Amino acid sequence: AALDAVRLLMLAQAQACFCEKAMGDGLGASTQAKLCLGAKQLYRRAADALAALKVSAKKMHAWGADIAMGRAEQFEAQARWSLAKEAEKESQHGLRQAQLQLAAAAVAQAQSRLAAKAAAEAVGEKELGALSSLAAKVGAELAAVKRDNELVYYEKPPDPATLDEPDAKVLVKPLRLEA
């Protein structure tokens, strides 16, 4: 069970590398969102597998499940940020506001999970700084979008809970383990 959990964690980290490359290369917002949602799915699966290790591997469970869940929330926030950019291109101001609200909630959850003492030691300053930067961008953009929508567009944002999640794209594939 521990090997499967670590394997899922490694797959999630490999998918995260694809996400970072897509962001660095300036790929389209919808492509970035799909890749980030794929990373979110893999991190959630890893978190579930690590959570199942409560009895058999307590130390691994203690830090691993929280970090994996925090990273899943981080990629959820990044995906919602990208989807908000996509909505901006299509002049869907209400949808953009709803996506930014979801991004703000996800980034706040990720920050609270990853800033915990045990997680902060394992995650590192670079990742926490990137998360803080994303939180600042999302917060500023959300405030501006709300103001613009109230004063200019008058577009009612949909309830964020009712938004469909787009398809995730997972580019990493596990290698078969041989005993």
Protein backbone atom coordinates (compact mmCIF):
# COMPACT_ATOMS: atom_id res chain seq x y z
CA ALA A 1 0.00 0.00 0.00
CA ALA A 2 2.86 2.37 0.80
CA LEU A 3 4.51 1.66 -2.54
CA ASP A 4 1.27 2.40 -4.39
CA ALA A 5 0.84 5.65 -2.46
CA VAL A 6 4.38 6.80 -3.26
CA ARG A 7 3.92 5.76 -6.88
CA LEU A 8 0.80 7.93 -7.14
CA LEU A 9 2.66 10.80 -5.50
CA MET A 10 5.47 10.51 -8.04
CA LEU A 11 2.97 10.46 -10.91
CA ALA A 12 1.32 13.57 -9.51
CA GLN A 13 4.68 15.33 -9.27
CA ALA A 14 5.52 14.35 -12.85
CA GLN A 15 2.17 15.80 -14.00
CA ALA A 16 2.98 18.95 -12.02
CA CYS A 17 6.17 19.27 -14.07
CA PHE A 18 4.07 19.24 -17.25
CA CYS A 19 1.91 21.98 -15.74
CA GLU A 20 4.92 24.13 -14.90
CA LYS A 21 6.34 23.62 -18.39
CA ALA A 22 3.01 24.60 -19.97
CA MET A 23 2.93 27.77 -17.87
CA GLY A 24 6.55 28.57 -18.68
CA ASP A 25 5.99 28.01 -22.40
CA GLY A 26 2.88 30.21 -22.36
CA LEU A 27 0.51 27.55 -23.66
CA GLY A 28 -3.17 28.43 -23.88
CA ALA A 29 -5.23 28.91 -20.74
CA SER A 30 -7.52 25.97 -21.46
CA THR A 31 -4.54 23.64 -22.00
CA GLN A 32 -2.98 24.82 -18.75
CA ALA A 33 -6.28 24.30 -16.94
CA LYS A 34 -6.63 20.74 -18.25
CA LEU A 35 -3.09 19.85 -17.22
CA CYS A 36 -3.55 21.40 -13.77
CA LEU A 37 -6.80 19.50 -13.29
CA GLY A 38 -4.92 16.31 -14.20
CA ALA A 39 -2.35 17.11 -11.52
CA LYS A 40 -5.16 17.81 -9.06
CA GLN A 41 -6.72 14.41 -9.76
CA LEU A 42 -3.42 12.60 -9.29
CA TYR A 43 -2.61 14.45 -6.07
CA ARG A 44 -6.08 13.66 -4.70
CA ARG A 45 -5.60 9.98 -5.51
CA ALA A 46 -2.20 10.10 -3.79
CA ALA A 47 -3.75 11.84 -0.77
CA ASP A 48 -6.42 9.15 -0.53
CA ALA A 49 -3.81 6.40 -0.77
CA LEU A 50 -1.65 8.09 1.87
CA ALA A 51 -4.66 8.61 4.13
CA ALA A 52 -5.30 4.88 3.98
CA LEU A 53 -1.86 4.31 5.55
CA LYS A 54 -2.92 5.64 8.97
CA VAL A 55 -2.20 2.37 10.69
CA SER A 56 0.56 0.75 8.67
CA ALA A 57 2.80 3.77 8.02
CA LYS A 58 1.95 6.55 10.48
CA LYS A 59 4.90 8.82 9.67
CA MET A 60 4.30 8.63 5.95
CA HIS A 61 0.62 9.33 6.49
CA ALA A 62 1.30 12.26 8.82
CA TRP A 63 3.00 14.47 6.26
CA GLY A 64 2.08 12.86 2.96
CA ALA A 65 -1.70 13.11 2.97
CA ASP A 66 -1.72 16.79 3.94
CA ILE A 67 0.93 17.72 1.41
CA ALA A 68 -0.77 15.81 -1.39
CA MET A 69 -4.13 17.41 -0.56
CA GLY A 70 -2.53 20.84 -0.36
CA ARG A 71 -0.89 20.37 -3.74
CA ALA A 72 -4.23 19.18 -5.18
CA GLU A 73 -5.84 22.38 -3.94
CA GLN A 74 -2.94 24.40 -5.34
CA PHE A 75 -3.46 22.94 -8.79
CA GLU A 76 -7.22 23.42 -8.46
CA ALA A 77 -6.53 27.12 -7.84
CA GLN A 78 -4.15 27.30 -10.79
CA ALA A 79 -6.70 25.60 -13.04
CA ARG A 80 -9.46 27.98 -11.96
CA TRP A 81 -7.11 30.92 -12.58
CA SER A 82 -6.51 29.66 -16.11
CA LEU A 83 -10.24 29.10 -16.66
CA ALA A 84 -10.88 32.67 -15.52
CA LYS A 85 -8.38 33.88 -18.13
CA GLU A 86 -10.21 31.81 -20.74
CA ALA A 87 -13.54 33.35 -19.69
CA GLU A 88 -11.96 36.80 -19.95
CA LYS A 89 -10.97 36.13 -23.57
CA GLU A 90 -14.55 35.12 -24.33
CA SER A 91 -15.98 38.19 -22.52
CA GLN A 92 -17.87 36.02 -20.02
CA HIS A 93 -17.54 38.36 -17.06
CA GLY A 94 -19.89 36.50 -14.70
CA LEU A 95 -18.16 33.18 -15.37
CA ARG A 96 -14.79 34.82 -14.87
CA GLN A 97 -15.89 36.09 -11.47
CA ALA A 98 -17.17 32.65 -10.46
CA GLN A 99 -13.92 30.97 -11.55
CA LEU A 100 -11.90 33.52 -9.58
CA GLN A 101 -14.05 32.88 -6.50
CA LEU A 102 -13.28 29.17 -6.78
CA ALA A 103 -9.58 29.94 -7.29
CA ALA A 104 -9.54 32.16 -4.19
CA ALA A 105 -11.16 29.45 -2.08
CA ALA A 106 -8.78 26.75 -3.37
CA VAL A 107 -5.66 28.86 -2.88
CA ALA A 108 -6.72 29.74 0.68
CA GLN A 109 -7.20 26.04 1.48
CA ALA A 110 -3.86 25.17 -0.09
CA GLN A 111 -2.08 27.88 1.87
CA SER A 112 -3.56 26.75 5.17
CA ARG A 113 -2.61 23.11 4.51
CA LEU A 114 0.88 23.72 3.13
CA ALA A 115 1.83 26.41 5.63
CA ALA A 116 1.48 24.00 8.54
CA LYS A 117 4.82 23.35 10.22
CA ALA A 118 5.38 19.79 9.00
CA ALA A 119 4.19 20.54 5.48
CA ALA A 120 6.15 23.79 5.20
CA GLU A 121 9.40 21.94 5.92
CA ALA A 122 8.67 19.40 3.19
CA VAL A 123 7.26 21.80 0.59
CA GLY A 124 9.87 24.57 0.64
CA GLU A 125 9.96 28.34 0.36
CA LYS A 126 9.84 28.45 -3.44
CA GLU A 127 6.53 26.60 -3.60
CA LEU A 128 5.04 28.57 -0.71
CA GLY A 129 6.16 31.81 -2.39
CA ALA A 130 4.54 30.77 -5.66
CA LEU A 131 1.34 29.98 -3.77
CA SER A 132 1.40 33.37 -2.05
CA SER A 133 1.97 35.05 -5.40
CA LEU A 134 -1.00 33.22 -6.90
CA ALA A 135 -3.14 34.19 -3.90
CA ALA A 136 -2.21 37.85 -4.36
CA LYS A 137 -2.95 37.74 -8.10
CA VAL A 138 -6.28 36.01 -7.59
CA GLY A 139 -7.31 38.39 -4.81
CA ALA A 140 -6.46 41.50 -6.81
CA GLU A 141 -8.09 40.19 -9.97
CA LEU A 142 -11.24 39.10 -8.12
CA ALA A 143 -11.65 42.53 -6.54
CA ALA A 144 -11.22 44.23 -9.93
CA VAL A 145 -13.60 41.84 -11.67
CA LYS A 146 -16.28 42.28 -9.01
CA ARG A 147 -16.00 46.04 -9.29
CA ASP A 148 -16.11 45.99 -13.09
CA ASN A 149 -19.02 43.58 -13.14
CA GLU A 150 -21.02 45.70 -10.70
CA LEU A 151 -20.32 48.99 -12.49
CA VAL A 152 -20.02 48.09 -16.16
CA TYR A 153 -21.16 44.62 -17.24
CA TYR A 154 -24.02 43.81 -14.84
CA GLU A 155 -23.54 40.13 -15.59
CA LYS A 156 -24.77 37.88 -12.81
CA PRO A 157 -22.10 35.33 -11.94
CA PRO A 158 -23.23 31.71 -11.80
CA ASP A 159 -23.10 29.93 -8.49
CA PRO A 160 -19.53 28.60 -8.26
CA ALA A 161 -20.81 25.30 -6.85
CA THR A 162 -22.78 24.64 -10.06
CA LEU A 163 -19.87 25.10 -12.48
CA ASP A 164 -18.84 22.05 -14.43
CA GLU A 165 -15.27 20.95 -14.15
CA PRO A 166 -13.66 20.66 -17.56
CA ASP A 167 -11.94 17.50 -18.63
CA ALA A 168 -8.58 16.87 -17.08
CA LYS A 169 -5.61 15.85 -19.18
CA VAL A 170 -3.11 13.48 -17.61
CA LEU A 171 0.05 13.14 -19.66
CA VAL A 172 2.01 10.86 -17.35
CA LYS A 173 1.66 7.12 -17.47
CA PRO A 174 2.92 4.72 -14.82
CA LEU A 175 5.51 2.13 -15.64
CA ARG A 176 4.67 -1.41 -14.74
CA LEU A 177 6.38 -2.52 -11.55
CA GLU A 178 8.14 -5.82 -11.77
CA ALA A 179 8.78 -7.90 -8.69
